[in-house]
Amino acid sequence: EVILLEEPQAAFYGWLHRRSEDWRQYLKV
């Protein structure tokens, strides 16, 4: 079974993963 993920969303998830320790410094509610 596969999950299709749109590329912009995949890129954002990749960014979040690379910034797992400090992404909250860049993004706020």
All heavy atoms as atom14 arrays in JSON, in Angstrom:
{
  "sequence": "EVILLEEPQAAFYGWLHRRSEDWRQYLKV",
  "atom14_mask": [
    [1, 1, 1, 1, 1, 1, 1, 1, 1, 0, 0, 0, 0, 0],
    [1, 1, 1, 1, 1, 1, 1, 0, 0, 0, 0, 0, 0, 0],
    [1, 1, 1, 1, 1, 1, 1, 1, 0, 0, 0, 0, 0, 0],
    [1, 1, 1, 1, 1, 1, 1, 1, 0, 0, 0, 0, 0, 0],
    [1, 1, 1, 1, 1, 1, 1, 1, 0, 0, 0, 0, 0, 0],
    [1, 1, 1, 1, 1, 1, 1, 1, 1, 0, 0, 0, 0, 0],
    [1, 1, 1, 1, 1, 1, 1, 1, 1, 0, 0, 0, 0, 0],
    [1, 1, 1, 1, 1, 1, 1, 0, 0, 0, 0, 0, 0, 0],
    [1, 1, 1, 1, 1, 1, 1, 1, 1, 0, 0, 0, 0, 0],
    [1, 1, 1, 1, 1, 0, 0, 0, 0, 0, 0, 0, 0, 0],
    [1, 1, 1, 1, 1, 0, 0, 0, 0, 0, 0, 0, 0, 0],
    [1, 1, 1, 1, 1, 1, 1, 1, 1, 1, 1, 0, 0, 0],
    [1, 1, 1, 1, 1, 1, 1, 1, 1, 1, 1, 1, 0, 0],
    [1, 1, 1, 1, 0, 0, 0, 0, 0, 0, 0, 0, 0, 0],
    [1, 1, 1, 1, 1, 1, 1, 1, 1, 1, 1, 1, 1, 1],
    [1, 1, 1, 1, 1, 1, 1, 1, 0, 0, 0, 0, 0, 0],
    [1, 1, 1, 1, 1, 1, 1, 1, 1, 1, 0, 0, 0, 0],
    [1, 1, 1, 1, 1, 1, 1, 1, 1, 1, 1, 0, 0, 0],
    [1, 1, 1, 1, 1, 1, 1, 1, 1, 1, 1, 0, 0, 0],
    [1, 1, 1, 1, 1, 1, 0, 0, 0, 0, 0, 0, 0, 0],
    [1, 1, 1, 1, 1, 1, 1, 1, 1, 0, 0, 0, 0, 0],
    [1, 1, 1, 1, 1, 1, 1, 1, 0, 0, 0, 0, 0, 0],
    [1, 1, 1, 1, 1, 1, 1, 1, 1, 1, 1, 1, 1, 1],
    [1, 1, 1, 1, 1, 1, 1, 1, 1, 1, 1, 0, 0, 0],
    [1, 1, 1, 1, 1, 1, 1, 1, 1, 0, 0, 0, 0, 0],
    [1, 1, 1, 1, 1, 1, 1, 1, 1, 1, 1, 1, 0, 0],
    [1, 1, 1, 1, 1, 1, 1, 1, 0, 0, 0, 0, 0, 0],
    [1, 1, 1, 1, 1, 1, 1, 1, 1, 0, 0, 0, 0, 0],
    [1, 1, 1, 1, 1, 1, 1, 0, 0, 0, 0, 0, 0, 0]
  ],
  "atom14_positions": [
    [[0.85, -1.2, 0.0], [0.0, 0.0, 0.0], [0.88, 1.25, 0.0], [1.86, 1.33, 0.75], [-0.87, 0.0, 1.25], [-1.86, 1.11, 1.33], [-3.12, 0.85, 0.53], [-3.41, -0.31, 0.24], [-3.8, 1.83, 0.21], [0.0, 0.0, 0.0], [0.0, 0.0, 0.0], [0.0, 0.0, 0.0], [0.0, 0.0, 0.0], [0.0, 0.0, 0.0]],
    [[0.57, 2.21, -0.87], [1.38, 3.42, -0.95], [0.56, 4.63, -0.51], [-0.67, 4.63, -0.58], [1.94, 3.68, -2.37], [2.86, 2.56, -2.8], [0.84, 3.91, -3.37], [0.0, 0.0, 0.0], [0.0, 0.0, 0.0], [0.0, 0.0, 0.0], [0.0, 0.0, 0.0], [0.0, 0.0, 0.0], [0.0, 0.0, 0.0], [0.0, 0.0, 0.0]],
    [[1.27, 5.64, -0.06], [0.68, 6.93, 0.27], [1.25, 7.94, -0.72], [2.47, 8.04, -0.88], [1.04, 7.35, 1.72], [0.48, 6.34, 2.71], [0.55, 8.77, 2.0], [1.0, 6.52, 4.12], [0.0, 0.0, 0.0], [0.0, 0.0, 0.0], [0.0, 0.0, 0.0], [0.0, 0.0, 0.0], [0.0, 0.0, 0.0], [0.0, 0.0, 0.0]],
    [[0.37, 8.64, -1.42], [0.81, 9.7, -2.32], [0.88, 11.0, -1.55], [-0.04, 11.36, -0.83], [-0.15, 9.84, -3.51], [-0.28, 8.63, -4.42], [-1.19, 8.98, -5.6], [1.05, 8.12, -4.9], [0.0, 0.0, 0.0], [0.0, 0.0, 0.0], [0.0, 0.0, 0.0], [0.0, 0.0, 0.0], [0.0, 0.0, 0.0], [0.0, 0.0, 0.0]],
    [[2.0, 11.69, -1.7], [2.23, 12.92, -0.98], [2.66, 13.98, -1.99], [3.59, 13.74, -2.77], [3.33, 12.71, 0.07], [3.62, 13.8, 1.06], [2.4, 14.08, 1.94], [4.8, 13.41, 1.93], [0.0, 0.0, 0.0], [0.0, 0.0, 0.0], [0.0, 0.0, 0.0], [0.0, 0.0, 0.0], [0.0, 0.0, 0.0], [0.0, 0.0, 0.0]],
    [[1.98, 15.11, -2.0], [2.33, 16.17, -2.94], [3.71, 16.72, -2.62], [4.09, 16.88, -1.45], [1.28, 17.27, -2.93], [-0.04, 16.8, -3.5], [-1.1, 17.88, -3.52], [-0.89, 18.95, -2.92], [-2.15, 17.64, -4.14], [0.0, 0.0, 0.0], [0.0, 0.0, 0.0], [0.0, 0.0, 0.0], [0.0, 0.0, 0.0], [0.0, 0.0, 0.0]],
    [[4.48, 17.02, -3.67], [5.88, 17.43, -3.5], [6.08, 18.63, -2.58], [7.01, 18.61, -1.77], [6.51, 17.66, -4.87], [6.72, 16.36, -5.61], [7.12, 16.54, -7.06], [7.01, 17.66, -7.6], [7.53, 15.54, -7.66], [0.0, 0.0, 0.0], [0.0, 0.0, 0.0], [0.0, 0.0, 0.0], [0.0, 0.0, 0.0], [0.0, 0.0, 0.0]],
    [[5.26, 19.68, -2.65], [5.48, 20.79, -1.71], [5.35, 20.34, -0.25], [6.13, 20.77, 0.61], [4.4, 21.8, -2.08], [4.08, 21.5, -3.5], [4.21, 20.0, -3.63], [0.0, 0.0, 0.0], [0.0, 0.0, 0.0], [0.0, 0.0, 0.0], [0.0, 0.0, 0.0], [0.0, 0.0, 0.0], [0.0, 0.0, 0.0], [0.0, 0.0, 0.0]],
    [[4.4, 19.49, 0.02], [4.23, 18.99, 1.39], [5.41, 18.1, 1.78], [5.92, 18.19, 2.89], [2.92, 18.21, 1.49], [2.56, 17.82, 2.91], [1.18, 17.15, 2.97], [0.54, 16.91, 1.96], [0.75, 16.87, 4.18], [0.0, 0.0, 0.0], [0.0, 0.0, 0.0], [0.0, 0.0, 0.0], [0.0, 0.0, 0.0], [0.0, 0.0, 0.0]],
    [[5.87, 17.28, 0.85], [7.03, 16.43, 1.13], [8.27, 17.28, 1.41], [9.05, 16.98, 2.31], [7.29, 15.49, -0.05], [0.0, 0.0, 0.0], [0.0, 0.0, 0.0], [0.0, 0.0, 0.0], [0.0, 0.0, 0.0], [0.0, 0.0, 0.0], [0.0, 0.0, 0.0], [0.0, 0.0, 0.0], [0.0, 0.0, 0.0], [0.0, 0.0, 0.0]],
    [[8.45, 18.35, 0.64], [9.59, 19.24, 0.88], [9.52, 19.88, 2.25], [10.52, 19.99, 2.96], [9.64, 20.32, -0.21], [0.0, 0.0, 0.0], [0.0, 0.0, 0.0], [0.0, 0.0, 0.0], [0.0, 0.0, 0.0], [0.0, 0.0, 0.0], [0.0, 0.0, 0.0], [0.0, 0.0, 0.0], [0.0, 0.0, 0.0], [0.0, 0.0, 0.0]],
    [[8.32, 20.27, 2.66], [8.16, 20.87, 3.99], [8.46, 19.84, 5.08], [9.15, 20.15, 6.06], [6.76, 21.44, 4.16], [6.53, 22.08, 5.49], [7.24, 23.22, 5.86], [5.62, 21.56, 6.39], [7.05, 23.83, 7.1], [5.42, 22.16, 7.63], [6.13, 23.29, 7.98], [0.0, 0.0, 0.0], [0.0, 0.0, 0.0], [0.0, 0.0, 0.0]],
    [[7.97, 18.62, 4.93], [8.27, 17.58, 5.91], [9.78, 17.32, 5.97], [10.34, 17.08, 7.05], [7.54, 16.28, 5.58], [6.06, 16.3, 5.86], [5.22, 15.35, 5.29], [5.47, 17.25, 6.69], [3.85, 15.35, 5.53], [4.12, 17.26, 6.94], [3.32, 16.3, 6.36], [1.97, 16.3, 6.61], [0.0, 0.0, 0.0], [0.0, 0.0, 0.0]],
    [[10.44, 17.36, 4.82], [11.9, 17.19, 4.8], [12.59, 18.31, 5.56], [13.54, 18.08, 6.32], [0.0, 0.0, 0.0], [0.0, 0.0, 0.0], [0.0, 0.0, 0.0], [0.0, 0.0, 0.0], [0.0, 0.0, 0.0], [0.0, 0.0, 0.0], [0.0, 0.0, 0.0], [0.0, 0.0, 0.0], [0.0, 0.0, 0.0], [0.0, 0.0, 0.0]],
    [[12.12, 19.54, 5.37], [12.69, 20.68, 6.1], [12.48, 20.51, 7.6], [13.4, 20.73, 8.39], [12.05, 21.98, 5.6], [12.6, 23.2, 6.28], [13.73, 23.88, 5.94], [12.05, 23.86, 7.42], [13.91, 24.94, 6.79], [12.89, 24.95, 7.72], [10.94, 23.65, 8.22], [12.65, 25.81, 8.78], [10.7, 24.51, 9.27], [11.55, 25.58, 9.54]],
    [[11.27, 20.11, 8.0], [11.0, 19.88, 9.42], [11.92, 18.81, 10.0], [12.42, 18.95, 11.12], [9.54, 19.47, 9.65], [8.49, 20.57, 9.55], [7.09, 19.96, 9.69], [8.7, 21.64, 10.62], [0.0, 0.0, 0.0], [0.0, 0.0, 0.0], [0.0, 0.0, 0.0], [0.0, 0.0, 0.0], [0.0, 0.0, 0.0], [0.0, 0.0, 0.0]],
    [[12.13, 17.76, 9.24], [13.0, 16.68, 9.72], [14.44, 17.18, 9.91], [15.07, 16.87, 10.93], [12.97, 15.51, 8.73], [13.84, 14.37, 9.12], [13.52, 13.54, 10.17], [15.01, 13.93, 8.62], [14.47, 12.63, 10.3], [15.38, 12.86, 9.37], [0.0, 0.0, 0.0], [0.0, 0.0, 0.0], [0.0, 0.0, 0.0], [0.0, 0.0, 0.0]],
    [[14.94, 17.95, 8.94], [16.31, 18.47, 9.06], [16.43, 19.46, 10.22], [17.5, 19.62, 10.8], [16.73, 19.14, 7.75], [17.08, 18.16, 6.66], [17.69, 18.84, 5.45], [16.91, 19.96, 4.93], [15.85, 19.85, 4.14], [15.42, 18.67, 3.79], [15.22, 20.93, 3.7], [0.0, 0.0, 0.0], [0.0, 0.0, 0.0], [0.0, 0.0, 0.0]],
    [[15.35, 20.13, 10.55], [15.34, 21.14, 11.61], [14.65, 20.61, 12.87], [14.09, 21.38, 13.64], [14.58, 22.39, 11.14], [15.24, 23.11, 10.02], [16.26, 24.0, 10.6], [16.82, 24.85, 9.57], [17.91, 25.54, 9.76], [18.53, 25.49, 10.91], [18.39, 26.27, 8.8], [0.0, 0.0, 0.0], [0.0, 0.0, 0.0], [0.0, 0.0, 0.0]],
    [[14.71, 19.33, 13.09], [13.92, 18.72, 14.17], [14.19, 19.34, 15.54], [13.29, 19.38, 16.38], [14.18, 17.21, 14.23], [15.54, 16.96, 14.52], [0.0, 0.0, 0.0], [0.0, 0.0, 0.0], [0.0, 0.0, 0.0], [0.0, 0.0, 0.0], [0.0, 0.0, 0.0], [0.0, 0.0, 0.0], [0.0, 0.0, 0.0], [0.0, 0.0, 0.0]],
    [[15.36, 19.86, 15.75], [15.71, 20.44, 17.05], [15.33, 21.9, 17.18], [15.08, 22.37, 18.29], [17.21, 20.28, 17.31], [17.69, 18.84, 17.35], [17.06, 18.05, 18.49], [16.92, 18.59, 19.6], [16.72, 16.87, 18.26], [0.0, 0.0, 0.0], [0.0, 0.0, 0.0], [0.0, 0.0, 0.0], [0.0, 0.0, 0.0], [0.0, 0.0, 0.0]],
    [[15.28, 22.64, 16.06], [15.13, 24.09, 16.19], [14.07, 24.72, 15.28], [14.02, 25.93, 15.14], [16.47, 24.78, 15.95], [16.98, 24.62, 14.54], [16.39, 23.85, 13.74], [17.99, 25.27, 14.19], [0.0, 0.0, 0.0], [0.0, 0.0, 0.0], [0.0, 0.0, 0.0], [0.0, 0.0, 0.0], [0.0, 0.0, 0.0], [0.0, 0.0, 0.0]],
    [[13.2, 23.92, 14.68], [12.24, 24.51, 13.74], [11.33, 25.52, 14.39], [10.87, 26.46, 13.74], [11.44, 23.42, 13.01], [10.47, 22.65, 13.83], [10.7, 21.49, 14.48], [9.11, 22.98, 14.08], [9.57, 21.05, 15.12], [8.57, 21.96, 14.9], [8.28, 24.03, 13.71], [7.25, 21.97, 15.33], [6.96, 24.04, 14.14], [6.46, 23.0, 14.94]],
    [[11.08, 25.38, 15.68], [10.21, 26.34, 16.37], [10.84, 27.73, 16.48], [10.15, 28.7, 16.73], [9.81, 25.8, 17.74], [8.79, 24.68, 17.64], [8.34, 24.19, 19.01], [7.27, 23.24, 18.91], [7.42, 21.95, 18.69], [8.61, 21.43, 18.56], [6.37, 21.14, 18.61], [0.0, 0.0, 0.0], [0.0, 0.0, 0.0], [0.0, 0.0, 0.0]],
    [[12.13, 27.83, 16.29], [12.78, 29.13, 16.26], [12.45, 29.88, 14.97], [12.56, 31.1, 14.9], [14.3, 28.98, 16.36], [14.75, 28.44, 17.7], [16.25, 28.21, 17.73], [16.99, 28.68, 16.87], [16.72, 27.47, 18.72], [0.0, 0.0, 0.0], [0.0, 0.0, 0.0], [0.0, 0.0, 0.0], [0.0, 0.0, 0.0], [0.0, 0.0, 0.0]],
    [[12.06, 29.14, 13.94], [11.76, 29.74, 12.64], [10.27, 29.93, 12.4], [9.88, 30.8, 11.63], [12.35, 28.86, 11.52], [13.84, 28.76, 11.59], [14.45, 27.72, 12.27], [14.64, 29.71, 10.99], [15.82, 27.62, 12.35], [16.03, 29.63, 11.07], [16.61, 28.58, 11.75], [17.97, 28.5, 11.83], [0.0, 0.0, 0.0], [0.0, 0.0, 0.0]],
    [[9.46, 29.1, 13.01], [8.01, 29.15, 12.81], [7.29, 29.36, 14.12], [7.62, 28.74, 15.12], [7.51, 27.85, 12.16], [8.06, 27.51, 10.79], [7.55, 26.15, 10.35], [7.66, 28.58, 9.78], [0.0, 0.0, 0.0], [0.0, 0.0, 0.0], [0.0, 0.0, 0.0], [0.0, 0.0, 0.0], [0.0, 0.0, 0.0], [0.0, 0.0, 0.0]],
    [[6.31, 30.2, 14.09], [5.49, 30.48, 15.27], [4.03, 30.15, 14.95], [3.63, 30.09, 13.78], [5.6, 31.97, 15.66], [7.01, 32.46, 15.82], [7.62, 32.05, 17.13], [8.96, 32.68, 17.37], [10.11, 31.93, 16.97], [0.0, 0.0, 0.0], [0.0, 0.0, 0.0], [0.0, 0.0, 0.0], [0.0, 0.0, 0.0], [0.0, 0.0, 0.0]],
    [[3.21, 29.98, 15.95], [1.79, 29.74, 15.77], [1.21, 30.88, 14.93], [1.47, 32.05, 15.19], [1.04, 29.65, 17.12], [-0.46, 29.57, 16.91], [1.54, 28.46, 17.91], [0.0, 0.0, 0.0], [0.0, 0.0, 0.0], [0.0, 0.0, 0.0], [0.0, 0.0, 0.0], [0.0, 0.0, 0.0], [0.0, 0.0, 0.0], [0.0, 0.0, 0.0]]
  ]
}
